Amino acid sequence: MPYISRNEKGEIIEIHDSPVDEGDTWVEADNPAVIAFFKGMETTVQAKKALTTTDNEMVRVVEDVIDLLMKKQIFIFTELPEAVQIKLNERKQLRQDMNSLENLINDDDEAIF
């Protein structure tokens, strides 16, 4: 173990328990290239998680910027593409529903005490 596949540049692109293609070669598990490949995968996974987190935060920022631009009458909501209008309206409705639900839960909590 492991068998590796390389790209044209000689970089490891896949690692397998058994050969998949004729070009796959067997290397020791402690081979520096194999270790570097796994470290690179770990960094990539961490980067993807960080991007996902910031993507979620940026969605809210974009929504707030759009609301501000409309409030200042820099553009009109209907000037946005229809697909964008639909998505923004869906998110706005979801947020309102969540706020209503949270308020309902908070009201129930206060009534208990």
C-alpha atoms as a PDB file:
ATOM      1  CA  MET A   1       0.000   0.000   0.000  1.00  0.00           C
ATOM      2  CA  PRO A   2      -0.441   2.696  -1.419  1.00  0.00           C
ATOM      3  CA  TYR A   3      -0.671   2.876  -5.165  1.00  0.00           C
ATOM      4  CA  ILE A   4      -0.505   6.379  -6.587  1.00  0.00           C
ATOM      5  CA  SER A   5      -1.657   8.071  -9.762  1.00  0.00           C
ATOM      6  CA  ARG A   6       0.263  11.087 -11.013  1.00  0.00           C
ATOM      7  CA  ASN A   7      -0.617  13.902 -13.397  1.00  0.00           C
ATOM      8  CA  GLU A   8       1.537  15.117 -16.301  1.00  0.00           C
ATOM      9  CA  LYS A   9       3.632  17.197 -13.884  1.00  0.00           C
ATOM     10  CA  GLY A  10       4.415  14.128 -11.781  1.00  0.00           C
ATOM     11  CA  GLU A  11       2.238  15.300  -8.882  1.00  0.00           C
ATOM     12  CA  ILE A  12       0.202  12.754  -6.957  1.00  0.00           C
ATOM     13  CA  ILE A  13      -3.483  13.155  -7.778  1.00  0.00           C
ATOM     14  CA  GLU A  14      -4.948   9.937  -6.325  1.00  0.00           C
ATOM     15  CA  ILE A  15      -4.000   7.238  -3.844  1.00  0.00           C
ATOM     16  CA  HIS A  16      -5.506   3.722  -3.881  1.00  0.00           C
ATOM     17  CA  ASP A  17      -5.137   0.429  -1.992  1.00  0.00           C
ATOM     18  CA  SER A  18      -4.676  -1.411  -5.269  1.00  0.00           C
ATOM     19  CA  PRO A  19      -3.690  -0.340  -8.785  1.00  0.00           C
ATOM     20  CA  VAL A  20      -6.544   1.253 -10.734  1.00  0.00           C
ATOM     21  CA  ASP A  21      -4.729   2.159 -13.949  1.00  0.00           C
ATOM     22  CA  GLU A  22      -1.647   0.734 -15.648  1.00  0.00           C
ATOM     23  CA  GLY A  23       0.266   3.898 -14.774  1.00  0.00           C
ATOM     24  CA  ASP A  24      -0.316   3.525 -11.016  1.00  0.00           C
ATOM     25  CA  THR A  25       2.820   2.828  -9.018  1.00  0.00           C
ATOM     26  CA  TRP A  26       3.334   1.385  -5.575  1.00  0.00           C
ATOM     27  CA  VAL A  27       5.188   3.472  -2.994  1.00  0.00           C
ATOM     28  CA  GLU A  28       5.922   3.174   0.699  1.00  0.00           C
ATOM     29  CA  ALA A  29       3.296   4.755   2.956  1.00  0.00           C
ATOM     30  CA  ASP A  30       5.950   6.966   4.551  1.00  0.00           C
ATOM     31  CA  ASN A  31       7.053   8.358   1.178  1.00  0.00           C
ATOM     32  CA  PRO A  32       7.430  12.166   1.525  1.00  0.00           C
ATOM     33  CA  ALA A  33       5.260  12.721  -1.563  1.00  0.00           C
ATOM     34  CA  VAL A  34       2.434  10.646  -0.035  1.00  0.00           C
ATOM     35  CA  ILE A  35       2.701  12.515   3.270  1.00  0.00           C
ATOM     36  CA  ALA A  36       2.651  15.845   1.429  1.00  0.00           C
ATOM     37  CA  PHE A  37      -0.409  14.724  -0.551  1.00  0.00           C
ATOM     38  CA  PHE A  38      -2.338  13.949   2.649  1.00  0.00           C
ATOM     39  CA  LYS A  39      -1.245  17.210   4.276  1.00  0.00           C
ATOM     40  CA  GLY A  40      -2.426  19.078   1.188  1.00  0.00           C
ATOM     41  CA  MET A  41      -5.802  17.318   1.390  1.00  0.00           C
ATOM     42  CA  GLU A  42      -6.162  18.366   5.028  1.00  0.00           C
ATOM     43  CA  THR A  43      -5.394  21.978   4.142  1.00  0.00           C
ATOM     44  CA  THR A  44      -7.876  21.847   1.256  1.00  0.00           C
ATOM     45  CA  VAL A  45     -10.634  20.491   3.515  1.00  0.00           C
ATOM     46  CA  GLN A  46      -9.939  23.225   6.077  1.00  0.00           C
ATOM     47  CA  ALA A  47      -9.993  25.884   3.371  1.00  0.00           C
ATOM     48  CA  LYS A  48     -13.305  24.571   2.010  1.00  0.00           C
ATOM     49  CA  LYS A  49     -14.826  24.662   5.509  1.00  0.00           C
ATOM     50  CA  ALA A  50     -13.608  28.232   5.999  1.00  0.00           C
ATOM     51  CA  LEU A  51     -15.046  29.261   2.621  1.00  0.00           C
ATOM     52  CA  THR A  52     -18.378  27.662   3.437  1.00  0.00           C
ATOM     53  CA  THR A  53     -18.539  29.542   6.731  1.00  0.00           C
ATOM     54  CA  THR A  54     -17.690  32.864   5.124  1.00  0.00           C
ATOM     55  CA  ASP A  55     -20.082  32.152   2.230  1.00  0.00           C
ATOM     56  CA  ASN A  56     -22.944  31.869   4.698  1.00  0.00           C
ATOM     57  CA  GLU A  57     -21.910  35.102   6.382  1.00  0.00           C
ATOM     58  CA  MET A  58     -21.501  36.896   3.045  1.00  0.00           C
ATOM     59  CA  VAL A  59     -25.027  35.970   1.981  1.00  0.00           C
ATOM     60  CA  ARG A  60     -26.389  38.027   4.839  1.00  0.00           C
ATOM     61  CA  VAL A  61     -24.024  40.911   4.011  1.00  0.00           C
ATOM     62  CA  VAL A  62     -25.154  40.930   0.378  1.00  0.00           C
ATOM     63  CA  GLU A  63     -28.796  40.931   1.431  1.00  0.00           C
ATOM     64  CA  ASP A  64     -28.176  43.864   3.768  1.00  0.00           C
ATOM     65  CA  VAL A  65     -26.324  45.798   1.047  1.00  0.00           C
ATOM     66  CA  ILE A  66     -29.188  45.207  -1.410  1.00  0.00           C
ATOM     67  CA  ASP A  67     -31.709  46.408   1.188  1.00  0.00           C
ATOM     68  CA  LEU A  68     -29.602  49.518   1.855  1.00  0.00           C
ATOM     69  CA  LEU A  69     -29.241  50.326  -1.855  1.00  0.00           C
ATOM     70  CA  MET A  70     -32.981  49.992  -2.329  1.00  0.00           C
ATOM     71  CA  LYS A  71     -33.706  52.106   0.748  1.00  0.00           C
ATOM     72  CA  LYS A  72     -31.453  54.851  -0.638  1.00  0.00           C
ATOM     73  CA  GLN A  73     -33.231  54.412  -3.971  1.00  0.00           C
ATOM     74  CA  ILE A  74     -30.014  53.662  -5.835  1.00  0.00           C
ATOM     75  CA  PHE A  75     -31.862  50.936  -7.679  1.00  0.00           C
ATOM     76  CA  ILE A  76     -35.290  49.339  -7.701  1.00  0.00           C
ATOM     77  CA  PHE A  77     -35.865  45.747  -6.662  1.00  0.00           C
ATOM     78  CA  THR A  78     -37.544  44.941  -9.989  1.00  0.00           C
ATOM     79  CA  GLU A  79     -34.338  45.892 -11.822  1.00  0.00           C
ATOM     80  CA  LEU A  80     -32.758  42.730 -10.454  1.00  0.00           C
ATOM     81  CA  PRO A  81     -33.058  39.576 -12.555  1.00  0.00           C
ATOM     82  CA  GLU A  82     -36.230  37.633 -11.788  1.00  0.00           C
ATOM     83  CA  ALA A  83     -34.298  34.645 -10.406  1.00  0.00           C
ATOM     84  CA  VAL A  84     -32.499  36.942  -7.954  1.00  0.00           C
ATOM     85  CA  GLN A  85     -35.791  38.536  -6.911  1.00  0.00           C
ATOM     86  CA  ILE A  86     -37.268  35.103  -6.215  1.00  0.00           C
ATOM     87  CA  LYS A  87     -34.283  33.979  -4.144  1.00  0.00           C
ATOM     88  CA  LEU A  88     -34.177  37.189  -2.141  1.00  0.00           C
ATOM     89  CA  ASN A  89     -37.916  37.012  -1.466  1.00  0.00           C
ATOM     90  CA  GLU A  90     -37.641  33.364  -0.397  1.00  0.00           C
ATOM     91  CA  ARG A  91     -34.812  34.163   2.024  1.00  0.00           C
ATOM     92  CA  LYS A  92     -36.642  37.194   3.384  1.00  0.00           C
ATOM     93  CA  GLN A  93     -39.744  35.057   3.986  1.00  0.00           C
ATOM     94  CA  LEU A  94     -37.681  32.329   5.664  1.00  0.00           C
ATOM     95  CA  ARG A  95     -36.052  34.883   7.931  1.00  0.00           C
ATOM     96  CA  GLN A  96     -39.468  36.345   8.857  1.00  0.00           C
ATOM     97  CA  ASP A  97     -40.802  32.856   9.584  1.00  0.00           C
ATOM     98  CA  MET A  98     -37.775  32.074  11.769  1.00  0.00           C
ATOM     99  CA  ASN A  99     -38.131  35.363  13.654  1.00  0.00           C
ATOM    100  CA  SER A 100     -41.836  34.674  14.237  1.00  0.00           C
ATOM    101  CA  LEU A 101     -41.033  31.187  15.491  1.00  0.00           C
ATOM    102  CA  GLU A 102     -38.306  32.500  17.817  1.00  0.00           C
ATOM    103  CA  ASN A 103     -40.655  35.175  19.151  1.00  0.00           C
ATOM    104  CA  LEU A 104     -43.322  32.541  19.754  1.00  0.00           C
ATOM    105  CA  ILE A 105     -40.849  30.346  21.635  1.00  0.00           C
ATOM    106  CA  ASN A 106     -39.585  33.304  23.680  1.00  0.00           C
ATOM    107  CA  ASP A 107     -43.167  34.302  24.551  1.00  0.00           C
ATOM    108  CA  ASP A 108     -43.873  30.754  25.726  1.00  0.00           C
ATOM    109  CA  ASP A 109     -40.705  30.739  27.851  1.00  0.00           C
ATOM    110  CA  GLU A 110     -41.693  34.012  29.523  1.00  0.00           C
ATOM    111  CA  ALA A 111     -45.206  32.725  30.245  1.00  0.00           C
ATOM    112  CA  ILE A 112     -43.791  29.727  32.138  1.00  0.00           C
ATOM    113  CA  PHE A 113     -41.889  31.846  34.614  1.00  0.00           C
END
